[in-house]
Amino acid sequence: MPNQIELKDAEQDQEIALLKHRVEQLEKEAPSADAEMVKELRDRVRKLEKWVWGAGAVITALITIIGLASALESKELPITTEVTSYAKIN
């Protein structure tokens, strides 16, 4: 009977040692895995920021071009000549 108890103790000691080793390995690997994930997420955010900035630039350019084109095609309204002639008189 004491022999069985010693064998069981030995098995449990081996299992405890194995579990401790696995925990140590996981603790060592976790920071590097987290760091890689953080780096990947930051790269993805930077890529999205570039897309947003690019889209903003394109939209701004289009609005500017449309505004200039409409300003070139617009005709002078008759009221503007009346207002300027009234301003010259007074």
PDB file of N, CA and C in Angstrom:
ATOM      1  N   MET A   1       0.796  -1.193   0.000  1.00  0.00           N
ATOM      2  CA  MET A   1       0.000   0.000   0.000  1.00  0.00           C
ATOM      3  C   MET A   1       0.844   1.266   0.000  1.00  0.00           C
ATOM      4  N   PRO A   2       1.880   1.368   0.865  1.00  0.00           N
ATOM      5  CA  PRO A   2       2.707   2.575   0.823  1.00  0.00           C
ATOM      6  C   PRO A   2       3.378   2.758  -0.538  1.00  0.00           C
ATOM      7  N   ASN A   3       3.636   1.690  -1.228  1.00  0.00           N
ATOM      8  CA  ASN A   3       4.265   1.776  -2.533  1.00  0.00           C
ATOM      9  C   ASN A   3       3.328   2.475  -3.524  1.00  0.00           C
ATOM     10  N   GLN A   4       2.040   2.165  -3.450  1.00  0.00           N
ATOM     11  CA  GLN A   4       1.066   2.803  -4.346  1.00  0.00           C
ATOM     12  C   GLN A   4       0.965   4.300  -4.052  1.00  0.00           C
ATOM     13  N   ILE A   5       1.023   4.653  -2.812  1.00  0.00           N
ATOM     14  CA  ILE A   5       0.964   6.065  -2.435  1.00  0.00           C
ATOM     15  C   ILE A   5       2.174   6.808  -2.971  1.00  0.00           C
ATOM     16  N   GLU A   6       3.355   6.204  -2.869  1.00  0.00           N
ATOM     17  CA  GLU A   6       4.576   6.821  -3.381  1.00  0.00           C
ATOM     18  C   GLU A   6       4.522   6.965  -4.897  1.00  0.00           C
ATOM     19  N   LEU A   7       3.978   5.942  -5.576  1.00  0.00           N
ATOM     20  CA  LEU A   7       3.838   6.028  -7.038  1.00  0.00           C
ATOM     21  C   LEU A   7       2.871   7.156  -7.427  1.00  0.00           C
ATOM     22  N   LYS A   8       1.765   7.242  -6.699  1.00  0.00           N
ATOM     23  CA  LYS A   8       0.791   8.301  -6.983  1.00  0.00           C
ATOM     24  C   LYS A   8       1.399   9.676  -6.726  1.00  0.00           C
ATOM     25  N   ASP A   9       2.173   9.798  -5.642  1.00  0.00           N
ATOM     26  CA  ASP A   9       2.864  11.063  -5.360  1.00  0.00           C
ATOM     27  C   ASP A   9       3.843  11.410  -6.465  1.00  0.00           C
ATOM     28  N   ALA A  10       4.562  10.417  -6.955  1.00  0.00           N
ATOM     29  CA  ALA A  10       5.531  10.649  -8.025  1.00  0.00           C
ATOM     30  C   ALA A  10       4.824  11.099  -9.305  1.00  0.00           C
ATOM     31  N   GLU A  11       3.694  10.443  -9.622  1.00  0.00           N
ATOM     32  CA  GLU A  11       2.930  10.836 -10.814  1.00  0.00           C
ATOM     33  C   GLU A  11       2.423  12.272 -10.688  1.00  0.00           C
ATOM     34  N   GLN A  12       1.914  12.607  -9.521  1.00  0.00           N
ATOM     35  CA  GLN A  12       1.402  13.957  -9.299  1.00  0.00           C
ATOM     36  C   GLN A  12       2.525  14.989  -9.346  1.00  0.00           C
ATOM     37  N   ASP A  13       3.693  14.645  -8.825  1.00  0.00           N
ATOM     38  CA  ASP A  13       4.833  15.558  -8.890  1.00  0.00           C
ATOM     39  C   ASP A  13       5.247  15.790 -10.339  1.00  0.00           C
ATOM     40  N   GLN A  14       5.246  14.730 -11.147  1.00  0.00           N
ATOM     41  CA  GLN A  14       5.587  14.876 -12.567  1.00  0.00           C
ATOM     42  C   GLN A  14       4.569  15.775 -13.264  1.00  0.00           C
ATOM     43  N   GLU A  15       3.294  15.542 -12.981  1.00  0.00           N
ATOM     44  CA  GLU A  15       2.243  16.337 -13.617  1.00  0.00           C
ATOM     45  C   GLU A  15       2.342  17.806 -13.196  1.00  0.00           C
ATOM     46  N   ILE A  16       2.626  18.037 -11.922  1.00  0.00           N
ATOM     47  CA  ILE A  16       2.790  19.414 -11.444  1.00  0.00           C
ATOM     48  C   ILE A  16       3.962  20.083 -12.139  1.00  0.00           C
ATOM     49  N   ALA A  17       5.082  19.353 -12.269  1.00  0.00           N
ATOM     50  CA  ALA A  17       6.257  19.909 -12.932  1.00  0.00           C
ATOM     51  C   ALA A  17       5.945  20.223 -14.392  1.00  0.00           C
ATOM     52  N   LEU A  18       5.223  19.319 -15.070  1.00  0.00           N
ATOM     53  CA  LEU A  18       4.851  19.539 -16.463  1.00  0.00           C
ATOM     54  C   LEU A  18       3.945  20.754 -16.599  1.00  0.00           C
ATOM     55  N   LEU A  19       2.959  20.885 -15.716  1.00  0.00           N
ATOM     56  CA  LEU A  19       2.047  22.027 -15.770  1.00  0.00           C
ATOM     57  C   LEU A  19       2.769  23.340 -15.489  1.00  0.00           C
ATOM     58  N   LYS A  20       3.702  23.313 -14.535  1.00  0.00           N
ATOM     59  CA  LYS A  20       4.500  24.514 -14.266  1.00  0.00           C
ATOM     60  C   LYS A  20       5.298  24.915 -15.490  1.00  0.00           C
ATOM     61  N   HIS A  21       5.871  23.938 -16.172  1.00  0.00           N
ATOM     62  CA  HIS A  21       6.667  24.219 -17.372  1.00  0.00           C
ATOM     63  C   HIS A  21       5.775  24.815 -18.466  1.00  0.00           C
ATOM     64  N   ARG A  22       4.577  24.252 -18.633  1.00  0.00           N
ATOM     65  CA  ARG A  22       3.660  24.781 -19.651  1.00  0.00           C
ATOM     66  C   ARG A  22       3.236  26.209 -19.330  1.00  0.00           C
ATOM     67  N   VAL A  23       2.973  26.478 -18.069  1.00  0.00           N
ATOM     68  CA  VAL A  23       2.587  27.835 -17.659  1.00  0.00           C
ATOM     69  C   VAL A  23       3.718  28.815 -17.947  1.00  0.00           C
ATOM     70  N   GLU A  24       4.950  28.414 -17.638  1.00  0.00           N
ATOM     71  CA  GLU A  24       6.095  29.285 -17.919  1.00  0.00           C
ATOM     72  C   GLU A  24       6.233  29.556 -19.408  1.00  0.00           C
ATOM     73  N   GLN A  25       6.041  28.518 -20.223  1.00  0.00           N
ATOM     74  CA  GLN A  25       6.122  28.707 -21.673  1.00  0.00           C
ATOM     75  C   GLN A  25       5.036  29.665 -22.157  1.00  0.00           C
ATOM     76  N   LEU A  26       3.829  29.491 -21.659  1.00  0.00           N
ATOM     77  CA  LEU A  26       2.735  30.368 -22.077  1.00  0.00           C
ATOM     78  C   LEU A  26       2.966  31.809 -21.633  1.00  0.00           C
ATOM     79  N   GLU A  27       3.524  31.973 -20.441  1.00  0.00           N
ATOM     80  CA  GLU A  27       3.823  33.324 -19.973  1.00  0.00           C
ATOM     81  C   GLU A  27       4.885  33.981 -20.831  1.00  0.00           C
ATOM     82  N   LYS A  28       5.834  33.212 -21.324  1.00  0.00           N
ATOM     83  CA  LYS A  28       6.888  33.769 -22.178  1.00  0.00           C
ATOM     84  C   LYS A  28       6.360  34.077 -23.567  1.00  0.00           C
ATOM     85  N   GLU A  29       5.463  33.228 -24.084  1.00  0.00           N
ATOM     86  CA  GLU A  29       4.944  33.412 -25.434  1.00  0.00           C
ATOM     87  C   GLU A  29       3.873  34.492 -25.497  1.00  0.00           C
ATOM     88  N   ALA A  30       3.128  34.681 -24.463  1.00  0.00           N
ATOM     89  CA  ALA A  30       1.992  35.603 -24.479  1.00  0.00           C
ATOM     90  C   ALA A  30       2.389  37.035 -24.820  1.00  0.00           C
ATOM     91  N   PRO A  31       3.422  37.605 -24.198  1.00  0.00           N
ATOM     92  CA  PRO A  31       3.753  38.992 -24.551  1.00  0.00           C
ATOM     93  C   PRO A  31       4.143  39.155 -26.016  1.00  0.00           C
ATOM     94  N   SER A  32       4.858  38.207 -26.567  1.00  0.00           N
ATOM     95  CA  SER A  32       5.250  38.347 -27.968  1.00  0.00           C
ATOM     96  C   SER A  32       4.036  38.199 -28.875  1.00  0.00           C
ATOM     97  N   ALA A  33       3.121  37.306 -28.526  1.00  0.00           N
ATOM     98  CA  ALA A  33       1.911  37.150 -29.325  1.00  0.00           C
ATOM     99  C   ALA A  33       1.059  38.411 -29.240  1.00  0.00           C
ATOM    100  N   ASP A  34       0.944  38.983 -28.039  1.00  0.00           N
ATOM    101  CA  ASP A  34       0.185  40.223 -27.887  1.00  0.00           C
ATOM    102  C   ASP A  34       0.850  41.362 -28.642  1.00  0.00           C
ATOM    103  N   ALA A  35       2.169  41.412 -28.588  1.00  0.00           N
ATOM    104  CA  ALA A  35       2.891  42.472 -29.291  1.00  0.00           C
ATOM    105  C   ALA A  35       2.687  42.352 -30.797  1.00  0.00           C
ATOM    106  N   GLU A  36       2.679  41.128 -31.300  1.00  0.00           N
ATOM    107  CA  GLU A  36       2.443  40.938 -32.733  1.00  0.00           C
ATOM    108  C   GLU A  36       1.032  41.357 -33.106  1.00  0.00           C
ATOM    109  N   MET A  37       0.074  41.026 -32.263  1.00  0.00           N
ATOM    110  CA  MET A  37      -1.305  41.402 -32.540  1.00  0.00           C
ATOM    111  C   MET A  37      -1.471  42.918 -32.512  1.00  0.00           C
ATOM    112  N   VAL A  38      -0.858  43.566 -31.547  1.00  0.00           N
ATOM    113  CA  VAL A  38      -0.928  45.024 -31.445  1.00  0.00           C
ATOM    114  C   VAL A  38      -0.289  45.659 -32.675  1.00  0.00           C
ATOM    115  N   LYS A  39       0.848  45.121 -33.105  1.00  0.00           N
ATOM    116  CA  LYS A  39       1.523  45.655 -34.288  1.00  0.00           C
ATOM    117  C   LYS A  39       0.639  45.494 -35.520  1.00  0.00           C
ATOM    118  N   GLU A  40       0.024  44.317 -35.659  1.00  0.00           N
ATOM    119  CA  GLU A  40      -0.846  44.076 -36.807  1.00  0.00           C
ATOM    120  C   GLU A  40      -2.041  45.026 -36.792  1.00  0.00           C
ATOM    121  N   LEU A  41      -2.631  45.221 -35.625  1.00  0.00           N
ATOM    122  CA  LEU A  41      -3.774  46.131 -35.532  1.00  0.00           C
ATOM    123  C   LEU A  41      -3.377  47.568 -35.834  1.00  0.00           C
ATOM    124  N   ARG A  42      -2.202  47.982 -35.366  1.00  0.00           N
ATOM    125  CA  ARG A  42      -1.733  49.338 -35.675  1.00  0.00           C
ATOM    126  C   ARG A  42      -1.493  49.506 -37.165  1.00  0.00           C
ATOM    127  N   ASP A  43      -0.926  48.489 -37.808  1.00  0.00           N
ATOM    128  CA  ASP A  43      -0.720  48.556 -39.254  1.00  0.00           C
ATOM    129  C   ASP A  43      -2.049  48.665 -39.988  1.00  0.00           C
ATOM    130  N   ARG A  44      -3.036  47.922 -39.525  1.00  0.00           N
ATOM    131  CA  ARG A  44      -4.351  47.984 -40.163  1.00  0.00           C
ATOM    132  C   ARG A  44      -4.985  49.363 -39.974  1.00  0.00           C
ATOM    133  N   VAL A  45      -4.828  49.949 -38.800  1.00  0.00           N
ATOM    134  CA  VAL A  45      -5.377  51.283 -38.543  1.00  0.00           C
ATOM    135  C   VAL A  45      -4.676  52.310 -39.426  1.00  0.00           C
ATOM    136  N   ARG A  46      -3.354  52.198 -39.548  1.00  0.00           N
ATOM    137  CA  ARG A  46      -2.620  53.125 -40.424  1.00  0.00           C
ATOM    138  C   ARG A  46      -3.093  53.013 -41.860  1.00  0.00           C
ATOM    139  N   LYS A  47      -3.316  51.783 -42.313  1.00  0.00           N
ATOM    140  CA  LYS A  47      -3.788  51.578 -43.680  1.00  0.00           C
ATOM    141  C   LYS A  47      -5.163  52.224 -43.871  1.00  0.00           C
ATOM    142  N   LEU A  48      -6.042  52.043 -42.896  1.00  0.00           N
ATOM    143  CA  LEU A  48      -7.368  52.654 -42.987  1.00  0.00           C
ATOM    144  C   LEU A  48      -7.280  54.180 -42.946  1.00  0.00           C
ATOM    145  N   GLU A  49      -6.369  54.701 -42.120  1.00  0.00           N
ATOM    146  CA  GLU A  49      -6.200  56.155 -42.070  1.00  0.00           C
ATOM    147  C   GLU A  49      -5.747  56.686 -43.425  1.00  0.00           C
ATOM    148  N   LYS A  50      -4.853  55.971 -44.082  1.00  0.00           N
ATOM    149  CA  LYS A  50      -4.404  56.396 -45.409  1.00  0.00           C
ATOM    150  C   LYS A  50      -5.561  56.406 -46.399  1.00  0.00           C
ATOM    151  N   TRP A  51      -6.437  55.380 -46.321  1.00  0.00           N
ATOM    152  CA  TRP A  51      -7.599  55.346 -47.201  1.00  0.00           C
ATOM    153  C   TRP A  51      -8.521  56.538 -46.925  1.00  0.00           C
ATOM    154  N   VAL A  52      -8.737  56.844 -45.673  1.00  0.00           N
ATOM    155  CA  VAL A  52      -9.623  57.955 -45.319  1.00  0.00           C
ATOM    156  C   VAL A  52      -9.039  59.277 -45.794  1.00  0.00           C
ATOM    157  N   TRP A  53      -7.746  59.472 -45.553  1.00  0.00           N
ATOM    158  CA  TRP A  53      -7.107  60.708 -46.011  1.00  0.00           C
ATOM    159  C   TRP A  53      -7.156  60.814 -47.538  1.00  0.00           C
ATOM    160  N   GLY A  54      -6.924  59.713 -48.219  1.00  0.00           N
ATOM    161  CA  GLY A  54      -6.980  59.717 -49.680  1.00  0.00           C
ATOM    162  C   GLY A  54      -8.378  60.027 -50.188  1.00  0.00           C
ATOM    163  N   ALA A  55      -9.383  59.419 -49.567  1.00  0.00           N
ATOM    164  CA  ALA A  55     -10.765  59.681 -49.968  1.00  0.00           C
ATOM    165  C   ALA A  55     -11.136  61.133 -49.702  1.00  0.00           C
ATOM    166  N   GLY A  56     -10.679  61.668 -48.583  1.00  0.00           N
ATOM    167  CA  GLY A  56     -10.936  63.072 -48.278  1.00  0.00           C
ATOM    168  C   GLY A  56     -10.305  63.999 -49.297  1.00  0.00           C
ATOM    169  N   ALA A  57      -9.093  63.664 -49.706  1.00  0.00           N
ATOM    170  CA  ALA A  57      -8.407  64.489 -50.707  1.00  0.00           C
ATOM    171  C   ALA A  57      -9.130  64.440 -52.047  1.00  0.00           C
ATOM    172  N   VAL A  58      -9.585  63.265 -52.434  1.00  0.00           N
ATOM    173  CA  VAL A  58     -10.305  63.133 -53.707  1.00  0.00           C
ATOM    174  C   VAL A  58     -11.615  63.906 -53.657  1.00  0.00           C
ATOM    175  N   ILE A  59     -12.348  63.793 -52.569  1.00  0.00           N
ATOM    176  CA  ILE A  59     -13.617  64.511 -52.438  1.00  0.00           C
ATOM    177  C   ILE A  59     -13.392  66.017 -52.455  1.00  0.00           C
ATOM    178  N   THR A  60     -12.357  66.468 -51.764  1.00  0.00           N
ATOM    179  CA  THR A  60     -12.041  67.896 -51.756  1.00  0.00           C
ATOM    180  C   THR A  60     -11.684  68.382 -53.150  1.00  0.00           C
ATOM    181  N   ALA A  61     -10.887  67.610 -53.880  1.00  0.00           N
ATOM    182  CA  ALA A  61     -10.513  67.996 -55.246  1.00  0.00           C
ATOM    183  C   ALA A  61     -11.740  68.049 -56.146  1.00  0.00           C
ATOM    184  N   LEU A  62     -12.624  67.072 -56.025  1.00  0.00           N
ATOM    185  CA  LEU A  62     -13.831  67.078 -56.857  1.00  0.00           C
ATOM    186  C   LEU A  62     -14.726  68.278 -56.547  1.00  0.00           C
ATOM    187  N   ILE A  63     -14.900  68.577 -55.286  1.00  0.00           N
ATOM    188  CA  ILE A  63     -15.730  69.734 -54.923  1.00  0.00           C
ATOM    189  C   ILE A  63     -15.116  71.022 -55.462  1.00  0.00           C
ATOM    190  N   THR A  64     -13.803  71.148 -55.365  1.00  0.00           N
ATOM    191  CA  THR A  64     -13.121  72.340 -55.879  1.00  0.00           C
ATOM    192  C   THR A  64     -13.289  72.452 -57.385  1.00  0.00           C
ATOM    193  N   ILE A  65     -13.108  71.356 -58.101  1.00  0.00           N
ATOM    194  CA  ILE A  65     -13.232  71.379 -59.571  1.00  0.00           C
ATOM    195  C   ILE A  65     -14.666  71.704 -59.975  1.00  0.00           C
ATOM    196  N   ILE A  66     -15.633  71.104 -59.306  1.00  0.00           N
ATOM    197  CA  ILE A  66     -17.038  71.389 -59.622  1.00  0.00           C
ATOM    198  C   ILE A  66     -17.362  72.850 -59.327  1.00  0.00           C
ATOM    199  N   GLY A  67     -16.852  73.361 -58.211  1.00  0.00           N
ATOM    200  CA  GLY A  67     -17.081  74.768 -57.882  1.00  0.00           C
ATOM    201  C   GLY A  67     -16.464  75.707 -58.902  1.00  0.00           C
ATOM    202  N   LEU A  68     -15.251  75.420 -59.328  1.00  0.00           N
ATOM    203  CA  LEU A  68     -14.606  76.266 -60.341  1.00  0.00           C
ATOM    204  C   LEU A  68     -15.331  76.177 -61.677  1.00  0.00           C
ATOM    205  N   ALA A  69     -15.734  74.961 -62.047  1.00  0.00           N
ATOM    206  CA  ALA A  69     -16.442  74.803 -63.318  1.00  0.00           C
ATOM    207  C   ALA A  69     -17.771  75.542 -63.306  1.00  0.00           C
ATOM    208  N   SER A  70     -18.486  75.457 -62.212  1.00  0.00           N
ATOM    209  CA  SER A  70     -19.775  76.164 -62.147  1.00  0.00           C
ATOM    210  C   SER A  70     -19.567  77.675 -62.101  1.00  0.00           C
ATOM    211  N   ALA A  71     -18.479  78.129 -61.494  1.00  0.00           N
ATOM    212  CA  ALA A  71     -18.193  79.568 -61.457  1.00  0.00           C
ATOM    213  C   ALA A  71     -17.822  80.079 -62.842  1.00  0.00           C
ATOM    214  N   LEU A  72     -17.132  79.292 -63.630  1.00  0.00           N
ATOM    215  CA  LEU A  72     -16.757  79.713 -64.982  1.00  0.00           C
ATOM    216  C   LEU A  72     -17.965  79.754 -65.909  1.00  0.00           C
ATOM    217  N   GLU A  73     -18.913  78.847 -65.688  1.00  0.00           N
ATOM    218  CA  GLU A  73     -20.083  78.785 -66.559  1.00  0.00           C
ATOM    219  C   GLU A  73     -21.196  79.740 -66.137  1.00  0.00           C
ATOM    220  N   SER A  74     -21.128  80.269 -64.956  1.00  0.00           N
ATOM    221  CA  SER A  74     -22.215  81.128 -64.477  1.00  0.00           C
ATOM    222  C   SER A  74     -22.194  82.466 -65.216  1.00  0.00           C
ATOM    223  N   LYS A  75     -23.378  83.001 -65.397  1.00  0.00           N
ATOM    224  CA  LYS A  75     -23.521  84.295 -66.069  1.00  0.00           C
ATOM    225  C   LYS A  75     -23.702  85.356 -65.008  1.00  0.00           C
ATOM    226  N   GLU A  76     -23.355  86.570 -65.386  1.00  0.00           N
ATOM    227  CA  GLU A  76     -23.524  87.668 -64.450  1.00  0.00           C
ATOM    228  C   GLU A  76     -24.999  88.023 -64.381  1.00  0.00           C
ATOM    229  N   LEU A  77     -25.484  88.155 -63.179  1.00  0.00           N
ATOM    230  CA  LEU A  77     -26.888  88.463 -62.991  1.00  0.00           C
ATOM    231  C   LEU A  77     -27.113  89.965 -63.190  1.00  0.00           C
ATOM    232  N   PRO A  78     -28.259  90.325 -63.736  1.00  0.00           N
ATOM    233  CA  PRO A  78     -28.540  91.745 -63.961  1.00  0.00           C
ATOM    234  C   PRO A  78     -28.539  92.552 -62.667  1.00  0.00           C
ATOM    235  N   ILE A  79     -28.902  91.943 -61.552  1.00  0.00           N
ATOM    236  CA  ILE A  79     -28.958  92.662 -60.293  1.00  0.00           C
ATOM    237  C   ILE A  79     -27.566  93.129 -59.862  1.00  0.00           C
ATOM    238  N   THR A  80     -26.533  92.416 -60.239  1.00  0.00           N
ATOM    239  CA  THR A  80     -25.192  92.816 -59.819  1.00  0.00           C
ATOM    240  C   THR A  80     -24.784  94.114 -60.499  1.00  0.00           C
ATOM    241  N   THR A  81     -25.196  94.307 -61.750  1.00  0.00           N
ATOM    242  CA  THR A  81     -24.862  95.568 -62.412  1.00  0.00           C
ATOM    243  C   THR A  81     -25.645  96.712 -61.792  1.00  0.00           C
ATOM    244  N   GLU A  82     -26.879  96.467 -61.403  1.00  0.00           N
ATOM    245  CA  GLU A  82     -27.679  97.511 -60.765  1.00  0.00           C
ATOM    246  C   GLU A  82     -27.091  97.885 -59.412  1.00  0.00           C
ATOM    247  N   VAL A  83     -26.639  96.882 -58.668  1.00  0.00           N
ATOM    248  CA  VAL A  83     -26.076  97.141 -57.361  1.00  0.00           C
ATOM    249  C   VAL A  83     -24.775  97.916 -57.498  1.00  0.00           C
ATOM    250  N   THR A  84     -23.937  97.544 -58.464  1.00  0.00           N
ATOM    251  CA  THR A  84     -22.667  98.248 -58.626  1.00  0.00           C
ATOM    252  C   THR A  84     -22.898  99.668 -59.145  1.00  0.00           C
ATOM    253  N   SER A  85     -23.865  99.859 -60.029  1.00  0.00           N
ATOM    254  CA  SER A  85     -24.143 101.225 -60.496  1.00  0.00           C
ATOM    255  C   SER A  85     -24.743 102.083 -59.380  1.00  0.00           C
ATOM    256  N   TYR A  86     -25.564 101.509 -58.515  1.00  0.00           N
ATOM    257  CA  TYR A  86     -26.107 102.219 -57.374  1.00  0.00           C
ATOM    258  C   TYR A  86     -24.993 102.580 -56.405  1.00  0.00           C
ATOM    259  N   ALA A  87     -24.039 101.684 -56.222  1.00  0.00           N
ATOM    260  CA  ALA A  87     -22.944 101.966 -55.327  1.00  0.00           C
ATOM    261  C   ALA A  87     -22.066 103.081 -55.869  1.00  0.00           C
ATOM    262  N   LYS A  88     -21.924 103.171 -57.183  1.00  0.00           N
ATOM    263  CA  LYS A  88     -21.097 104.215 -57.779  1.00  0.00           C
ATOM    264  C   LYS A  88     -21.760 105.589 -57.631  1.00  0.00           C
ATOM    265  N   ILE A  89     -23.076 105.617 -57.713  1.00  0.00           N
ATOM    266  CA  ILE A  89     -23.794 106.883 -57.609  1.00  0.00           C
ATOM    267  C   ILE A  89     -23.739 107.410 -56.180  1.00  0.00           C
ATOM    268  N   ASN A  90     -23.911 106.561 -55.231  1.00  0.00           N
ATOM    269  CA  ASN A  90     -23.953 107.009 -53.834  1.00  0.00           C
ATOM    270  C   ASN A  90     -22.594 106.941 -53.288  1.00  0.00           C
TER     271      ASN A  90
END
